[in-house]
Amino acid sequence: MCVSGVDTYSIAIAAVAGNVAAVTITNLYNSGFIVNGTLDASGGISIPTQSFGPGNISGSISSSGDVSYTITFGGSSDSCVFRINI
């Protein structure tokens, strides 16, 4: 999924009601995945390892918009880094 070149897709980051440090991120892998993250002291977002079926995903989003994540599925792993427009 993560290849050289230009991919364009949208992700959404939304606050979680009742928890000022928690966010929900939708479409992180351009596959409709919804993951949870936590704001860190530098203004970035930490995405702890979360499972979906036989795989998992984890990563981070920097305060400048750099997104990095690793997805593991069925014994294969894919790591991606990209920049979002914020």
PDB file of N, CA and C in Angstrom:
ATOM      1  N   MET A   1       0.814  -1.182   0.000  1.00  0.00           N
ATOM      2  CA  MET A   1       0.000   0.000   0.000  1.00  0.00           C
ATOM      3  C   MET A   1       0.860   1.249   0.000  1.00  0.00           C
ATOM      4  N   CYS A   2       1.937   1.277   0.737  1.00  0.00           N
ATOM      5  CA  CYS A   2       2.788   2.452   0.796  1.00  0.00           C
ATOM      6  C   CYS A   2       3.884   2.295  -0.253  1.00  0.00           C
ATOM      7  N   VAL A   3       3.815   3.095  -1.287  1.00  0.00           N
ATOM      8  CA  VAL A   3       4.767   2.990  -2.390  1.00  0.00           C
ATOM      9  C   VAL A   3       5.348   4.368  -2.679  1.00  0.00           C
ATOM     10  N   SER A   4       6.442   4.378  -3.436  1.00  0.00           N
ATOM     11  CA  SER A   4       7.009   5.654  -3.869  1.00  0.00           C
ATOM     12  C   SER A   4       6.046   6.322  -4.824  1.00  0.00           C
ATOM     13  N   GLY A   5       6.044   7.624  -4.817  1.00  0.00           N
ATOM     14  CA  GLY A   5       5.151   8.348  -5.700  1.00  0.00           C
ATOM     15  C   GLY A   5       4.174   9.172  -4.908  1.00  0.00           C
ATOM     16  N   VAL A   6       3.092   9.519  -5.549  1.00  0.00           N
ATOM     17  CA  VAL A   6       2.099  10.382  -4.919  1.00  0.00           C
ATOM     18  C   VAL A   6       0.790   9.626  -4.769  1.00  0.00           C
ATOM     19  N   ASP A   7       0.346   9.499  -3.547  1.00  0.00           N
ATOM     20  CA  ASP A   7      -0.978   8.960  -3.237  1.00  0.00           C
ATOM     21  C   ASP A   7      -1.759  10.087  -2.596  1.00  0.00           C
ATOM     22  N   THR A   8      -3.014  10.187  -2.908  1.00  0.00           N
ATOM     23  CA  THR A   8      -3.848  11.197  -2.290  1.00  0.00           C
ATOM     24  C   THR A   8      -5.052  10.526  -1.664  1.00  0.00           C
ATOM     25  N   TYR A   9      -5.212  10.696  -0.374  1.00  0.00           N
ATOM     26  CA  TYR A   9      -6.411  10.250   0.314  1.00  0.00           C
ATOM     27  C   TYR A   9      -6.563  11.036   1.592  1.00  0.00           C
ATOM     28  N   SER A  10      -7.745  11.043   2.115  1.00  0.00           N
ATOM     29  CA  SER A  10      -8.055  11.842   3.294  1.00  0.00           C
ATOM     30  C   SER A  10      -8.055  11.000   4.548  1.00  0.00           C
ATOM     31  N   ILE A  11      -7.527  11.579   5.627  1.00  0.00           N
ATOM     32  CA  ILE A  11      -7.726  11.015   6.954  1.00  0.00           C
ATOM     33  C   ILE A  11      -8.413  12.092   7.776  1.00  0.00           C
ATOM     34  N   ALA A  12      -9.113  11.675   8.802  1.00  0.00           N
ATOM     35  CA  ALA A  12      -9.791  12.626   9.679  1.00  0.00           C
ATOM     36  C   ALA A  12      -9.331  12.389  11.105  1.00  0.00           C
ATOM     37  N   ILE A  13      -9.074  13.472  11.817  1.00  0.00           N
ATOM     38  CA  ILE A  13      -8.675  13.403  13.221  1.00  0.00           C
ATOM     39  C   ILE A  13      -9.722  14.159  14.020  1.00  0.00           C
ATOM     40  N   ALA A  14     -10.323  13.468  14.983  1.00  0.00           N
ATOM     41  CA  ALA A  14     -11.395  14.080  15.775  1.00  0.00           C
ATOM     42  C   ALA A  14     -11.133  13.888  17.264  1.00  0.00           C
ATOM     43  N   ALA A  15     -11.511  14.868  18.050  1.00  0.00           N
ATOM     44  CA  ALA A  15     -11.396  14.782  19.504  1.00  0.00           C
ATOM     45  C   ALA A  15     -12.374  13.739  20.038  1.00  0.00           C
ATOM     46  N   VAL A  16     -11.999  13.107  21.133  1.00  0.00           N
ATOM     47  CA  VAL A  16     -12.873  12.156  21.818  1.00  0.00           C
ATOM     48  C   VAL A  16     -13.543  12.899  22.966  1.00  0.00           C
ATOM     49  N   ALA A  17     -14.854  12.871  22.995  1.00  0.00           N
ATOM     50  CA  ALA A  17     -15.613  13.571  24.039  1.00  0.00           C
ATOM     51  C   ALA A  17     -15.224  13.064  25.420  1.00  0.00           C
ATOM     52  N   GLY A  18     -14.975  13.989  26.320  1.00  0.00           N
ATOM     53  CA  GLY A  18     -14.688  13.620  27.701  1.00  0.00           C
ATOM     54  C   GLY A  18     -13.234  13.299  27.992  1.00  0.00           C
ATOM     55  N   ASN A  19     -12.348  13.366  26.970  1.00  0.00           N
ATOM     56  CA  ASN A  19     -10.930  13.079  27.191  1.00  0.00           C
ATOM     57  C   ASN A  19     -10.121  14.028  26.317  1.00  0.00           C
ATOM     58  N   VAL A  20      -9.606  15.101  26.900  1.00  0.00           N
ATOM     59  CA  VAL A  20      -8.935  16.141  26.116  1.00  0.00           C
ATOM     60  C   VAL A  20      -7.656  15.667  25.439  1.00  0.00           C
ATOM     61  N   ALA A  21      -7.089  14.540  25.867  1.00  0.00           N
ATOM     62  CA  ALA A  21      -5.845  14.048  25.274  1.00  0.00           C
ATOM     63  C   ALA A  21      -6.071  12.950  24.241  1.00  0.00           C
ATOM     64  N   ALA A  22      -7.310  12.542  24.022  1.00  0.00           N
ATOM     65  CA  ALA A  22      -7.580  11.412  23.126  1.00  0.00           C
ATOM     66  C   ALA A  22      -8.171  11.886  21.797  1.00  0.00           C
ATOM     67  N   VAL A  23      -7.771  11.204  20.718  1.00  0.00           N
ATOM     68  CA  VAL A  23      -8.308  11.483  19.391  1.00  0.00           C
ATOM     69  C   VAL A  23      -8.642  10.176  18.692  1.00  0.00           C
ATOM     70  N   THR A  24      -9.516  10.276  17.708  1.00  0.00           N
ATOM     71  CA  THR A  24      -9.837   9.156  16.831  1.00  0.00           C
ATOM     72  C   THR A  24      -9.371   9.533  15.431  1.00  0.00           C
ATOM     73  N   ILE A  25      -8.674   8.623  14.765  1.00  0.00           N
ATOM     74  CA  ILE A  25      -8.146   8.864  13.422  1.00  0.00           C
ATOM     75  C   ILE A  25      -8.832   7.888  12.481  1.00  0.00           C
ATOM     76  N   THR A  26      -9.466   8.418  11.450  1.00  0.00           N
ATOM     77  CA  THR A  26     -10.217   7.603  10.505  1.00  0.00           C
ATOM     78  C   THR A  26      -9.479   7.530   9.176  1.00  0.00           C
ATOM     79  N   ASN A  27      -9.405   6.339   8.593  1.00  0.00           N
ATOM     80  CA  ASN A  27      -8.839   6.088   7.264  1.00  0.00           C
ATOM     81  C   ASN A  27      -7.317   6.190   7.219  1.00  0.00           C
ATOM     82  N   LEU A  28      -6.622   5.832   8.295  1.00  0.00           N
ATOM     83  CA  LEU A  28      -5.163   5.976   8.357  1.00  0.00           C
ATOM     84  C   LEU A  28      -4.458   5.226   7.239  1.00  0.00           C
ATOM     85  N   TYR A  29      -4.887   4.053   6.898  1.00  0.00           N
ATOM     86  CA  TYR A  29      -4.214   3.225   5.888  1.00  0.00           C
ATOM     87  C   TYR A  29      -4.963   3.257   4.553  1.00  0.00           C
ATOM     88  N   ASN A  30      -5.834   4.224   4.383  1.00  0.00           N
ATOM     89  CA  ASN A  30      -6.681   4.350   3.195  1.00  0.00           C
ATOM     90  C   ASN A  30      -7.546   3.109   3.006  1.00  0.00           C
ATOM     91  N   SER A  31      -7.892   2.487   4.102  1.00  0.00           N
ATOM     92  CA  SER A  31      -8.730   1.284   4.069  1.00  0.00           C
ATOM     93  C   SER A  31      -9.877   1.377   5.061  1.00  0.00           C
ATOM     94  N   GLY A  32     -10.161   2.586   5.517  1.00  0.00           N
ATOM     95  CA  GLY A  32     -11.267   2.774   6.434  1.00  0.00           C
ATOM     96  C   GLY A  32     -10.972   2.414   7.877  1.00  0.00           C
ATOM     97  N   PHE A  33      -9.701   2.111   8.218  1.00  0.00           N
ATOM     98  CA  PHE A  33      -9.376   1.783   9.600  1.00  0.00           C
ATOM     99  C   PHE A  33      -9.625   2.981  10.501  1.00  0.00           C
ATOM    100  N   ILE A  34     -10.164   2.721  11.660  1.00  0.00           N
ATOM    101  CA  ILE A  34     -10.361   3.747  12.681  1.00  0.00           C
ATOM    102  C   ILE A  34      -9.473   3.371  13.858  1.00  0.00           C
ATOM    103  N   VAL A  35      -8.545   4.263  14.232  1.00  0.00           N
ATOM    104  CA  VAL A  35      -7.621   3.994  15.331  1.00  0.00           C
ATOM    105  C   VAL A  35      -7.713   5.119  16.348  1.00  0.00           C
ATOM    106  N   ASN A  36      -7.225   4.840  17.533  1.00  0.00           N
ATOM    107  CA  ASN A  36      -7.215   5.824  18.602  1.00  0.00           C
ATOM    108  C   ASN A  36      -5.799   6.308  18.838  1.00  0.00           C
ATOM    109  N   GLY A  37      -5.668   7.570  19.206  1.00  0.00           N
ATOM    110  CA  GLY A  37      -4.364   8.145  19.500  1.00  0.00           C
ATOM    111  C   GLY A  37      -4.441   9.018  20.724  1.00  0.00           C
ATOM    112  N   THR A  38      -3.264   9.412  21.200  1.00  0.00           N
ATOM    113  CA  THR A  38      -3.161  10.262  22.371  1.00  0.00           C
ATOM    114  C   THR A  38      -2.231  11.430  22.064  1.00  0.00           C
ATOM    115  N   LEU A  39      -2.660  12.637  22.407  1.00  0.00           N
ATOM    116  CA  LEU A  39      -1.810  13.808  22.237  1.00  0.00           C
ATOM    117  C   LEU A  39      -0.614  13.707  23.169  1.00  0.00           C
ATOM    118  N   ASP A  40       0.580  14.067  22.655  1.00  0.00           N
ATOM    119  CA  ASP A  40       1.757  14.048  23.519  1.00  0.00           C
ATOM    120  C   ASP A  40       2.212  15.472  23.832  1.00  0.00           C
ATOM    121  N   ALA A  41       3.225  15.609  24.665  1.00  0.00           N
ATOM    122  CA  ALA A  41       3.677  16.916  25.145  1.00  0.00           C
ATOM    123  C   ALA A  41       4.187  17.824  24.029  1.00  0.00           C
ATOM    124  N   SER A  42       4.644  17.247  22.916  1.00  0.00           N
ATOM    125  CA  SER A  42       5.186  18.053  21.819  1.00  0.00           C
ATOM    126  C   SER A  42       4.109  18.500  20.838  1.00  0.00           C
ATOM    127  N   GLY A  43       2.854  18.126  21.086  1.00  0.00           N
ATOM    128  CA  GLY A  43       1.767  18.487  20.184  1.00  0.00           C
ATOM    129  C   GLY A  43       1.504  17.452  19.113  1.00  0.00           C
ATOM    130  N   GLY A  44       2.225  16.354  19.155  1.00  0.00           N
ATOM    131  CA  GLY A  44       1.997  15.263  18.215  1.00  0.00           C
ATOM    132  C   GLY A  44       0.977  14.278  18.752  1.00  0.00           C
ATOM    133  N   ILE A  45       0.774  13.216  17.998  1.00  0.00           N
ATOM    134  CA  ILE A  45      -0.175  12.177  18.387  1.00  0.00           C
ATOM    135  C   ILE A  45       0.538  10.831  18.352  1.00  0.00           C
ATOM    136  N   SER A  46       0.439  10.102  19.432  1.00  0.00           N
ATOM    137  CA  SER A  46       0.983   8.749  19.516  1.00  0.00           C
ATOM    138  C   SER A  46      -0.143   7.761  19.216  1.00  0.00           C
ATOM    139  N   ILE A  47       0.136   6.793  18.343  1.00  0.00           N
ATOM    140  CA  ILE A  47      -0.857   5.774  17.986  1.00  0.00           C
ATOM    141  C   ILE A  47      -0.326   4.435  18.490  1.00  0.00           C
ATOM    142  N   PRO A  48      -0.784   3.992  19.655  1.00  0.00           N
ATOM    143  CA  PRO A  48      -0.303   2.722  20.192  1.00  0.00           C
ATOM    144  C   PRO A  48      -0.781   1.552  19.330  1.00  0.00           C
ATOM    145  N   THR A  49      -0.127   0.418  19.457  1.00  0.00           N
ATOM    146  CA  THR A  49      -0.492  -0.769  18.685  1.00  0.00           C
ATOM    147  C   THR A  49      -1.948  -1.136  18.932  1.00  0.00           C
ATOM    148  N   GLN A  50      -2.691  -1.282  17.836  1.00  0.00           N
ATOM    149  CA  GLN A  50      -4.099  -1.648  17.899  1.00  0.00           C
ATOM    150  C   GLN A  50      -4.353  -2.775  16.916  1.00  0.00           C
ATOM    151  N   SER A  51      -5.139  -3.744  17.331  1.00  0.00           N
ATOM    152  CA  SER A  51      -5.414  -4.927  16.516  1.00  0.00           C
ATOM    153  C   SER A  51      -6.673  -4.759  15.700  1.00  0.00           C
ATOM    154  N   PHE A  52      -6.663  -5.378  14.533  1.00  0.00           N
ATOM    155  CA  PHE A  52      -7.858  -5.485  13.695  1.00  0.00           C
ATOM    156  C   PHE A  52      -7.768  -6.842  13.023  1.00  0.00           C
ATOM    157  N   GLY A  53      -8.685  -7.721  13.313  1.00  0.00           N
ATOM    158  CA  GLY A  53      -8.634  -9.070  12.740  1.00  0.00           C
ATOM    159  C   GLY A  53      -7.279  -9.708  12.997  1.00  0.00           C
ATOM    160  N   PRO A  54      -6.609 -10.213  11.948  1.00  0.00           N
ATOM    161  CA  PRO A  54      -5.318 -10.874  12.134  1.00  0.00           C
ATOM    162  C   PRO A  54      -4.123  -9.926  12.083  1.00  0.00           C
ATOM    163  N   GLY A  55      -4.342  -8.621  12.112  1.00  0.00           N
ATOM    164  CA  GLY A  55      -3.239  -7.677  11.987  1.00  0.00           C
ATOM    165  C   GLY A  55      -3.233  -6.636  13.077  1.00  0.00           C
ATOM    166  N   ASN A  56      -2.254  -5.719  12.976  1.00  0.00           N
ATOM    167  CA  ASN A  56      -2.211  -4.595  13.897  1.00  0.00           C
ATOM    168  C   ASN A  56      -1.571  -3.390  13.221  1.00  0.00           C
ATOM    169  N   ILE A  57      -1.775  -2.224  13.813  1.00  0.00           N
ATOM    170  CA  ILE A  57      -1.244  -0.979  13.291  1.00  0.00           C
ATOM    171  C   ILE A  57      -0.798  -0.112  14.455  1.00  0.00           C
ATOM    172  N   SER A  58       0.278   0.644  14.258  1.00  0.00           N
ATOM    173  CA  SER A  58       0.769   1.580  15.265  1.00  0.00           C
ATOM    174  C   SER A  58       1.529   2.687  14.550  1.00  0.00           C
ATOM    175  N   GLY A  59       1.748   3.803  15.242  1.00  0.00           N
ATOM    176  CA  GLY A  59       2.505   4.875  14.613  1.00  0.00           C
ATOM    177  C   GLY A  59       2.417   6.176  15.363  1.00  0.00           C
ATOM    178  N   SER A  60       2.627   7.274  14.616  1.00  0.00           N
ATOM    179  CA  SER A  60       2.591   8.593  15.229  1.00  0.00           C
ATOM    180  C   SER A  60       2.320   9.652  14.167  1.00  0.00           C
ATOM    181  N   ILE A  61       1.890  10.821  14.639  1.00  0.00           N
ATOM    182  CA  ILE A  61       1.712  11.991  13.788  1.00  0.00           C
ATOM    183  C   ILE A  61       2.404  13.143  14.503  1.00  0.00           C
ATOM    184  N   SER A  62       3.372  13.786  13.832  1.00  0.00           N
ATOM    185  CA  SER A  62       4.089  14.897  14.455  1.00  0.00           C
ATOM    186  C   SER A  62       3.248  16.161  14.388  1.00  0.00           C
ATOM    187  N   SER A  63       3.612  17.145  15.179  1.00  0.00           N
ATOM    188  CA  SER A  63       2.881  18.408  15.182  1.00  0.00           C
ATOM    189  C   SER A  63       3.015  19.149  13.849  1.00  0.00           C
ATOM    190  N   SER A  64       4.015  18.788  13.037  1.00  0.00           N
ATOM    191  CA  SER A  64       4.179  19.423  11.726  1.00  0.00           C
ATOM    192  C   SER A  64       3.447  18.672  10.617  1.00  0.00           C
ATOM    193  N   GLY A  65       2.817  17.537  10.960  1.00  0.00           N
ATOM    194  CA  GLY A  65       2.014  16.814   9.985  1.00  0.00           C
ATOM    195  C   GLY A  65       2.669  15.594   9.374  1.00  0.00           C
ATOM    196  N   ASP A  66       3.835  15.186   9.877  1.00  0.00           N
ATOM    197  CA  ASP A  66       4.463  13.961   9.385  1.00  0.00           C
ATOM    198  C   ASP A  66       3.790  12.761  10.033  1.00  0.00           C
ATOM    199  N   VAL A  67       3.310  11.853   9.213  1.00  0.00           N
ATOM    200  CA  VAL A  67       2.622  10.658   9.688  1.00  0.00           C
ATOM    201  C   VAL A  67       3.524   9.465   9.423  1.00  0.00           C
ATOM    202  N   SER A  68       3.742   8.647  10.417  1.00  0.00           N
ATOM    203  CA  SER A  68       4.472   7.395  10.203  1.00  0.00           C
ATOM    204  C   SER A  68       3.701   6.287  10.898  1.00  0.00           C
ATOM    205  N   TYR A  69       3.624   5.154  10.225  1.00  0.00           N
ATOM    206  CA  TYR A  69       2.933   4.028  10.831  1.00  0.00           C
ATOM    207  C   TYR A  69       3.452   2.728  10.248  1.00  0.00           C
ATOM    208  N   THR A  70       3.227   1.670  10.992  1.00  0.00           N
ATOM    209  CA  THR A  70       3.549   0.318  10.548  1.00  0.00           C
ATOM    210  C   THR A  70       2.305  -0.523  10.701  1.00  0.00           C
ATOM    211  N   ILE A  71       2.000  -1.259   9.649  1.00  0.00           N
ATOM    212  CA  ILE A  71       0.868  -2.177   9.686  1.00  0.00           C
ATOM    213  C   ILE A  71       1.411  -3.581   9.453  1.00  0.00           C
ATOM    214  N   THR A  72       0.949  -4.524  10.248  1.00  0.00           N
ATOM    215  CA  THR A  72       1.339  -5.922  10.104  1.00  0.00           C
ATOM    216  C   THR A  72       0.076  -6.726   9.861  1.00  0.00           C
ATOM    217  N   PHE A  73       0.115  -7.561   8.853  1.00  0.00           N
ATOM    218  CA  PHE A  73      -1.065  -8.335   8.492  1.00  0.00           C
ATOM    219  C   PHE A  73      -0.633  -9.674   7.920  1.00  0.00           C
ATOM    220  N   GLY A  74      -1.047 -10.749   8.538  1.00  0.00           N
ATOM    221  CA  GLY A  74      -0.739 -12.081   8.028  1.00  0.00           C
ATOM    222  C   GLY A  74       0.743 -12.369   7.870  1.00  0.00           C
ATOM    223  N   GLY A  75       1.581 -11.844   8.775  1.00  0.00           N
ATOM    224  CA  GLY A  75       3.009 -12.106   8.714  1.00  0.00           C
ATOM    225  C   GLY A  75       3.782 -11.113   7.859  1.00  0.00           C
ATOM    226  N   SER A  76       3.108 -10.242   7.115  1.00  0.00           N
ATOM    227  CA  SER A  76       3.774  -9.218   6.316  1.00  0.00           C
ATOM    228  C   SER A  76       3.680  -7.883   7.034  1.00  0.00           C
ATOM    229  N   SER A  77       4.659  -7.018   6.769  1.00  0.00           N
ATOM    230  CA  SER A  77       4.687  -5.715   7.420  1.00  0.00           C
ATOM    231  C   SER A  77       4.876  -4.629   6.374  1.00  0.00           C
ATOM    232  N   ASP A  78       4.252  -3.485   6.574  1.00  0.00           N
ATOM    233  CA  ASP A  78       4.351  -2.346   5.673  1.00  0.00           C
ATOM    234  C   ASP A  78       4.525  -1.099   6.517  1.00  0.00           C
ATOM    235  N   SER A  79       5.614  -0.363   6.309  1.00  0.00           N
ATOM    236  CA  SER A  79       5.850   0.878   7.040  1.00  0.00           C
ATOM    237  C   SER A  79       5.757   2.053   6.085  1.00  0.00           C
ATOM    238  N   CYS A  80       5.075   3.099   6.500  1.00  0.00           N
ATOM    239  CA  CYS A  80       4.856   4.263   5.648  1.00  0.00           C
ATOM    240  C   CYS A  80       5.155   5.548   6.405  1.00  0.00           C
ATOM    241  N   VAL A  81       5.622   6.537   5.664  1.00  0.00           N
ATOM    242  CA  VAL A  81       5.814   7.883   6.194  1.00  0.00           C
ATOM    243  C   VAL A  81       5.265   8.824   5.140  1.00  0.00           C
ATOM    244  N   PHE A  82       4.430   9.767   5.542  1.00  0.00           N
ATOM    245  CA  PHE A  82       3.931  10.751   4.606  1.00  0.00           C
ATOM    246  C   PHE A  82       3.574  12.014   5.362  1.00  0.00           C
ATOM    247  N   ARG A  83       3.272  13.058   4.653  1.00  0.00           N
ATOM    248  CA  ARG A  83       2.929  14.348   5.263  1.00  0.00           C
ATOM    249  C   ARG A  83       1.466  14.664   4.952  1.00  0.00           C
ATOM    250  N   ILE A  84       0.783  15.143   5.984  1.00  0.00           N
ATOM    251  CA  ILE A  84      -0.595  15.576   5.773  1.00  0.00           C
ATOM    252  C   ILE A  84      -0.627  17.100   5.758  1.00  0.00           C
ATOM    253  N   ASN A  85      -1.590  17.642   5.070  1.00  0.00           N
ATOM    254  CA  ASN A  85      -1.791  19.082   5.069  1.00  0.00           C
ATOM    255  C   ASN A  85      -2.629  19.446   6.280  1.00  0.00           C
ATOM    256  N   ILE A  86      -2.044  20.204   7.197  1.00  0.00           N
ATOM    257  CA  ILE A  86      -2.781  20.591   8.402  1.00  0.00           C
ATOM    258  C   ILE A  86      -2.939  22.091   8.479  1.00  0.00           C
TER     259      ILE A  86
END
